[in-house]
C-alpha cells in the first residue's frame, strides 16, 4: 500500500500535493488517514534529529 501511494504521488508538484491533501482532509474519509500516515512517515524519517525535535515540538503544541 505504501509503495502504491508513493507511486501515485510521484512527480506531483507542491500545488498538486496540497490539493490532494486538502481534498483528502475535507472528505473526512478514514481511509485518507492511511495515505497521510505514509506521507507523515516519509517526511519524519527524512528529518535530522534537530528538525525532528522542532517538528515534534510543533505537533505537541497542537495537542
Protein backbone atom coordinates (compact mmCIF):
# COMPACT_ATOMS: atom_id res chain seq x y z
CA UNK A 1 0.00 0.00 0.00
CA UNK A 2 2.84 2.39 0.85
CA UNK A 3 4.56 1.80 -2.45
CA UNK A 4 1.32 2.22 -4.41
CA UNK A 5 0.55 5.51 -2.68
CA UNK A 6 4.03 6.86 -3.25
CA UNK A 7 3.98 5.78 -6.89
CA UNK A 8 0.61 7.53 -7.37
CA UNK A 9 2.02 10.76 -5.94
CA UNK A 10 5.40 10.56 -7.67
CA UNK A 11 6.08 13.67 -9.71
CA UNK A 12 3.35 15.75 -8.07
CA UNK A 13 4.14 19.44 -7.75
CA UNK A 14 3.74 21.14 -4.38
CA UNK A 15 0.41 22.59 -5.56
CA UNK A 16 -0.87 19.20 -6.71
CA UNK A 17 0.16 17.62 -3.44
CA UNK A 18 -1.52 20.40 -1.44
CA UNK A 19 -4.72 19.94 -3.42
CA UNK A 20 -4.66 16.18 -2.88
CA UNK A 21 -4.06 16.56 0.87
CA UNK A 22 -6.69 19.29 1.25
CA UNK A 23 -9.28 17.25 -0.65
CA UNK A 24 -8.48 14.16 1.41
CA UNK A 25 -8.88 16.01 4.69
CA UNK A 26 -12.09 17.68 3.51
CA UNK A 27 -13.57 14.31 2.56
CA UNK A 28 -13.26 13.15 6.19
CA UNK A 29 -12.77 9.59 4.97
CA UNK A 30 -10.88 7.43 7.44
CA UNK A 31 -9.01 5.72 4.61
CA UNK A 32 -7.34 9.03 3.76
CA UNK A 33 -5.59 8.90 7.14
CA UNK A 34 -3.64 5.87 5.97
CA UNK A 35 -2.27 7.80 3.00
CA UNK A 36 -1.47 10.82 5.13
CA UNK A 37 0.28 8.48 7.55
CA UNK A 38 2.53 7.26 4.73
CA UNK A 39 3.41 10.86 3.86
CA UNK A 40 4.00 11.62 7.54
CA UNK A 41 6.35 8.64 7.81
CA UNK A 42 8.31 9.69 4.72
CA UNK A 43 8.67 13.24 5.99
CA UNK A 44 9.55 12.30 9.56
CA UNK A 45 12.19 9.77 8.58
CA UNK A 46 13.81 12.31 6.26
CA UNK A 47 14.45 14.76 9.11
CA UNK A 48 17.67 15.04 11.08
CA UNK A 49 17.47 14.90 14.88
CA UNK A 50 17.26 18.67 15.32
CA UNK A 51 14.49 19.04 12.73
CA UNK A 52 12.64 16.09 14.29
CA UNK A 53 12.73 17.82 17.67
CA UNK A 54 11.34 21.04 16.17
CA UNK A 55 8.66 19.10 14.35
CA UNK A 56 7.68 17.22 17.50
CA UNK A 57 7.51 20.49 19.43
CA UNK A 58 5.14 21.87 16.80
CA UNK A 59 2.98 18.77 16.95
CA UNK A 60 2.89 18.71 20.73
CA UNK A 61 1.72 22.32 20.81
CA UNK A 62 -1.36 21.25 18.83
CA UNK A 63 -2.37 18.69 21.45
